[in-house]
Amino acid sequence: MSRKVRLAEGVSWVKDSTQIIVVDVVQQKAHLLKGAEMAVWDWLMLGYPLGRIARMTAELQNLPIEAAEKSLAGMIQGWCEAGLLEVTEQADG
């Protein structure tokens, strides 16, 4: 299954050298992303395919690809549940 994600309505973000601040104006909440989460968010916003992000996450965190895929899926799920991202496409593949 492949997925594409996008920012949810009302969400914006800014990146500096040590963190990404994601702001949800609808819920009036801010989220700070650091480390692997910061890198993954940046790669998602650059439009990298999820498979490529999983491979880069595996390298970044020194994990087997299966563990990196699980970590990536958990991050995306958490951000979707927090209202920061939306899944825009799901397909078999």
Protein backbone atom coordinates (compact mmCIF):
# COMPACT_ATOMS: atom_id res chain seq x y z
CA MET A 1 0.00 0.00 0.00
CA SER A 2 1.38 3.41 -0.87
CA ARG A 3 0.25 6.65 0.65
CA LYS A 4 0.71 10.30 -0.02
CA VAL A 5 0.26 12.89 2.67
CA ARG A 6 -0.22 16.63 2.71
CA LEU A 7 -0.53 19.37 5.29
CA ALA A 8 -3.94 19.61 6.89
CA GLU A 9 -5.83 22.85 6.40
CA GLY A 10 -4.68 25.57 8.78
CA VAL A 11 -1.26 23.99 9.40
CA SER A 12 1.98 25.81 8.69
CA TRP A 13 5.55 25.19 9.72
CA VAL A 14 8.95 26.79 10.00
CA LYS A 15 12.38 25.17 10.17
CA ASP A 16 15.52 26.39 11.87
CA SER A 17 18.81 24.61 12.41
CA THR A 18 17.69 22.51 15.40
CA GLN A 19 13.93 22.05 15.13
CA ILE A 20 10.77 22.41 13.12
CA ILE A 21 7.80 24.20 14.64
CA VAL A 22 4.47 23.03 13.24
CA VAL A 23 1.51 25.28 14.03
CA ASP A 24 -2.12 24.23 13.76
CA VAL A 25 -4.15 27.45 13.84
CA VAL A 26 -7.45 25.54 13.83
CA GLN A 27 -6.62 23.71 17.08
CA GLN A 28 -4.39 26.54 18.32
CA LYS A 29 -1.51 24.16 19.04
CA ALA A 30 2.19 24.12 18.23
CA HIS A 31 4.35 21.01 17.88
CA LEU A 32 8.15 20.92 18.10
CA LEU A 33 9.92 18.32 15.97
CA LYS A 34 13.56 17.41 16.55
CA GLY A 35 15.92 14.65 15.51
CA ALA A 36 14.46 11.93 13.30
CA GLU A 37 11.00 13.51 13.39
CA MET A 38 12.47 16.76 12.09
CA ALA A 39 14.22 14.96 9.24
CA VAL A 40 11.16 12.91 8.28
CA TRP A 41 8.88 15.98 8.32
CA ASP A 42 11.33 17.85 6.10
CA TRP A 43 11.52 14.94 3.63
CA LEU A 44 7.71 14.66 3.54
CA MET A 45 7.37 18.38 2.82
CA LEU A 46 9.97 18.06 0.05
CA GLY A 47 7.69 15.46 -1.54
CA TYR A 48 10.02 12.48 -1.28
CA PRO A 49 8.32 9.10 -1.82
CA LEU A 50 7.63 7.18 1.39
CA GLY A 51 9.90 4.31 0.32
CA ARG A 52 12.82 6.68 -0.03
CA ILE A 53 12.01 8.29 3.32
CA ALA A 54 11.94 4.85 4.95
CA ARG A 55 15.37 4.03 3.52
CA MET A 56 16.82 7.35 4.69
CA THR A 57 15.22 6.88 8.11
CA ALA A 58 16.86 3.45 8.35
CA GLU A 59 20.25 5.05 7.68
CA LEU A 60 19.62 7.98 10.00
CA GLN A 61 18.51 5.82 12.93
CA ASN A 62 20.75 2.83 12.11
CA LEU A 63 17.71 0.53 11.88
CA PRO A 64 16.74 -2.39 9.67
CA ILE A 65 14.40 -1.24 6.90
CA GLU A 66 11.40 -3.00 8.50
CA ALA A 67 11.91 -1.11 11.76
CA ALA A 68 12.37 2.17 9.88
CA GLU A 69 9.13 1.58 7.95
CA LYS A 70 7.32 0.94 11.24
CA SER A 71 8.85 4.08 12.78
CA LEU A 72 7.86 6.15 9.73
CA ALA A 73 4.31 4.79 9.76
CA GLY A 74 4.03 5.65 13.46
CA MET A 75 5.20 9.21 12.89
CA ILE A 76 2.76 9.74 10.03
CA GLN A 77 -0.11 8.17 11.99
CA GLY A 78 0.65 10.37 14.99
CA TRP A 79 0.75 13.51 12.86
CA CYS A 80 -2.52 12.55 11.14
CA GLU A 81 -4.17 11.92 14.50
CA ALA A 82 -2.90 15.29 15.73
CA GLY A 83 -4.53 16.95 12.72
CA LEU A 84 -1.25 18.04 11.11
CA LEU A 85 -1.31 15.79 8.04
CA GLU A 86 -3.96 14.19 5.84
CA VAL A 87 -3.65 11.05 3.76
CA THR A 88 -4.45 12.02 0.17
CA GLU A 89 -4.05 8.71 -1.63
CA GLN A 90 -3.97 5.02 -0.86
CA ALA A 91 -3.37 2.37 -3.44
CA ASP A 92 -2.17 -1.19 -3.67
CA GLY A 93 1.37 -1.45 -4.90
